Structure formats: C-alpha cells, structure tokens
Amino acid sequence: MGQGRTQNQIETTNKMMVTFLIAIFMFIFFTYTFSWIDTKTVWVKEIQKGFSAEIK
C-alpha cells in the first residue's frame, strides 16, 4: 500500500517550485531595472513600497 508520494510526483513538485521562484525573482529584477530606467513610474514605486513594507 503505497501511501507516500511517488518519485515522479516529487520531481514535478520541485520543478514547479523552482519555476515559481525564478518567476518571482525575475519579476523583482525587471521591476527594479525598469524603475532605474524610468524613474517617474508610479506603479513601480508602489510595488517597491509594498515589498519594503513586507520586509520590515
């Protein structure tokens, strides 16, 4: 009676998590890069305020 997860399920879950983490880091990277290029964007500054509020 196999009640645990199979190796295939574990590998699939790991791949999904890595993809999700890469997507988050890329979003943060491109957001900060875009804010350096165009310093007048309001929506980028609001996102940065949200990130900094969560960290503190």
N, C-alpha and C. Protein backbone atom coordinates (compact mmCIF):
# COMPACT_ATOMS: atom_id res chain seq x y z
N MET A 1 0.84 -1.18 0.00
CA MET A 1 0.00 0.00 0.00
C MET A 1 0.88 1.24 0.00
N GLY A 2 1.06 1.80 -1.14
CA GLY A 2 1.87 3.00 -1.24
C GLY A 2 1.06 4.23 -0.91
N GLN A 3 1.29 4.78 0.26
CA GLN A 3 0.56 5.98 0.66
C GLN A 3 1.40 7.24 0.54
N GLY A 4 2.66 7.08 0.21
CA GLY A 4 3.53 8.25 0.04
C GLY A 4 3.47 8.76 -1.38
N ARG A 5 4.26 9.79 -1.62
CA ARG A 5 4.30 10.35 -2.97
C ARG A 5 5.33 9.59 -3.79
N THR A 6 5.04 9.44 -5.06
CA THR A 6 5.99 8.76 -5.94
C THR A 6 7.12 9.71 -6.29
N GLN A 7 8.20 9.17 -6.80
CA GLN A 7 9.35 9.98 -7.20
C GLN A 7 8.97 10.97 -8.29
N ASN A 8 8.11 10.55 -9.20
CA ASN A 8 7.67 11.42 -10.28
C ASN A 8 6.89 12.61 -9.73
N GLN A 9 6.04 12.40 -8.73
CA GLN A 9 5.29 13.50 -8.13
C GLN A 9 6.23 14.47 -7.41
N ILE A 10 7.22 13.95 -6.74
CA ILE A 10 8.19 14.80 -6.04
C ILE A 10 8.97 15.65 -7.03
N GLU A 11 9.43 15.05 -8.11
CA GLU A 11 10.18 15.79 -9.13
C GLU A 11 9.32 16.86 -9.77
N THR A 12 8.06 16.55 -10.04
CA THR A 12 7.16 17.53 -10.65
C THR A 12 6.93 18.70 -9.71
N THR A 13 6.72 18.41 -8.44
CA THR A 13 6.52 19.47 -7.45
C THR A 13 7.77 20.35 -7.34
N ASN A 14 8.94 19.74 -7.33
CA ASN A 14 10.18 20.51 -7.25
C ASN A 14 10.36 21.41 -8.46
N LYS A 15 10.04 20.90 -9.65
CA LYS A 15 10.16 21.71 -10.87
C LYS A 15 9.20 22.89 -10.84
N MET A 16 7.98 22.66 -10.35
CA MET A 16 7.01 23.76 -10.27
C MET A 16 7.47 24.82 -9.28
N MET A 17 8.04 24.41 -8.16
CA MET A 17 8.51 25.36 -7.15
C MET A 17 9.68 26.17 -7.68
N VAL A 18 10.61 25.53 -8.35
CA VAL A 18 11.76 26.24 -8.91
C VAL A 18 11.29 27.23 -9.97
N THR A 19 10.35 26.83 -10.81
CA THR A 19 9.82 27.73 -11.83
C THR A 19 9.14 28.93 -11.19
N PHE A 20 8.37 28.70 -10.14
CA PHE A 20 7.69 29.78 -9.43
C PHE A 20 8.70 30.75 -8.81
N LEU A 21 9.74 30.22 -8.17
CA LEU A 21 10.75 31.08 -7.55
C LEU A 21 11.51 31.90 -8.59
N ILE A 22 11.83 31.27 -9.71
CA ILE A 22 12.52 32.00 -10.78
C ILE A 22 11.63 33.11 -11.31
N ALA A 23 10.34 32.84 -11.47
CA ALA A 23 9.42 33.86 -11.96
C ALA A 23 9.33 35.04 -10.99
N ILE A 24 9.29 34.77 -9.69
CA ILE A 24 9.23 35.85 -8.70
C ILE A 24 10.51 36.69 -8.76
N PHE A 25 11.67 36.02 -8.77
CA PHE A 25 12.93 36.76 -8.80
C PHE A 25 13.07 37.57 -10.09
N MET A 26 12.63 37.02 -11.21
CA MET A 26 12.71 37.76 -12.47
C MET A 26 11.78 38.97 -12.43
N PHE A 27 10.59 38.81 -11.85
CA PHE A 27 9.67 39.94 -11.74
C PHE A 27 10.29 41.05 -10.90
N ILE A 28 10.88 40.70 -9.78
CA ILE A 28 11.52 41.70 -8.92
C ILE A 28 12.69 42.36 -9.64
N PHE A 29 13.50 41.56 -10.30
CA PHE A 29 14.65 42.10 -11.03
C PHE A 29 14.22 43.07 -12.12
N PHE A 30 13.23 42.68 -12.94
CA PHE A 30 12.79 43.55 -14.02
C PHE A 30 12.07 44.79 -13.49
N THR A 31 11.38 44.65 -12.36
CA THR A 31 10.71 45.81 -11.77
C THR A 31 11.73 46.85 -11.33
N TYR A 32 12.76 46.41 -10.62
CA TYR A 32 13.79 47.36 -10.18
C TYR A 32 14.58 47.92 -11.37
N THR A 33 14.86 47.09 -12.35
CA THR A 33 15.57 47.58 -13.54
C THR A 33 14.73 48.63 -14.26
N PHE A 34 13.45 48.37 -14.39
CA PHE A 34 12.57 49.32 -15.06
C PHE A 34 12.49 50.62 -14.27
N SER A 35 12.50 50.53 -12.94
CA SER A 35 12.42 51.76 -12.14
C SER A 35 13.70 52.58 -12.27
N TRP A 36 14.84 51.92 -12.47
CA TRP A 36 16.08 52.68 -12.68
C TRP A 36 16.08 53.37 -14.04
N ILE A 37 15.48 52.73 -15.03
CA ILE A 37 15.44 53.31 -16.37
C ILE A 37 14.45 54.46 -16.42
N ASP A 38 13.26 54.23 -15.89
CA ASP A 38 12.21 55.25 -15.91
C ASP A 38 11.84 55.57 -14.46
N THR A 39 12.42 56.65 -13.95
CA THR A 39 12.27 56.96 -12.52
C THR A 39 10.93 57.57 -12.17
N LYS A 40 10.11 57.88 -13.15
CA LYS A 40 8.84 58.55 -12.87
C LYS A 40 7.65 57.59 -12.82
N THR A 41 7.87 56.32 -12.92
CA THR A 41 6.76 55.38 -12.93
C THR A 41 6.20 55.22 -11.52
N VAL A 42 4.92 55.48 -11.38
CA VAL A 42 4.28 55.44 -10.08
C VAL A 42 4.01 53.99 -9.65
N TRP A 43 3.58 53.15 -10.59
CA TRP A 43 3.20 51.77 -10.23
C TRP A 43 4.39 50.98 -9.72
N VAL A 44 5.59 51.25 -10.27
CA VAL A 44 6.78 50.54 -9.81
C VAL A 44 7.13 50.97 -8.39
N LYS A 45 7.01 52.25 -8.11
CA LYS A 45 7.30 52.74 -6.76
C LYS A 45 6.32 52.17 -5.74
N GLU A 46 5.07 51.99 -6.12
CA GLU A 46 4.08 51.40 -5.22
C GLU A 46 4.42 49.94 -4.92
N ILE A 47 4.87 49.21 -5.93
CA ILE A 47 5.27 47.82 -5.72
C ILE A 47 6.49 47.76 -4.80
N GLN A 48 7.44 48.65 -5.00
CA GLN A 48 8.63 48.67 -4.15
C GLN A 48 8.27 49.01 -2.70
N LYS A 49 7.33 49.93 -2.51
CA LYS A 49 6.89 50.25 -1.15
C LYS A 49 6.26 49.02 -0.50
N GLY A 50 5.50 48.26 -1.27
CA GLY A 50 4.88 47.05 -0.73
C GLY A 50 5.91 46.03 -0.34
N PHE A 51 6.95 45.83 -1.16
CA PHE A 51 8.00 44.88 -0.84
C PHE A 51 8.77 45.32 0.41
N SER A 52 9.10 46.60 0.47
CA SER A 52 9.88 47.07 1.61
C SER A 52 9.05 47.04 2.89
N ALA A 53 7.74 47.24 2.79
CA ALA A 53 6.89 47.17 3.97
C ALA A 53 6.78 45.74 4.48
N GLU A 54 6.78 44.77 3.57
CA GLU A 54 6.71 43.37 3.98
C GLU A 54 8.00 42.91 4.63
N ILE A 55 9.12 43.44 4.19
CA ILE A 55 10.42 43.01 4.72
C ILE A 55 10.64 43.58 6.12
N LYS A 56 10.22 44.81 6.36
CA LYS A 56 10.48 45.46 7.66
C LYS A 56 9.54 45.00 8.71
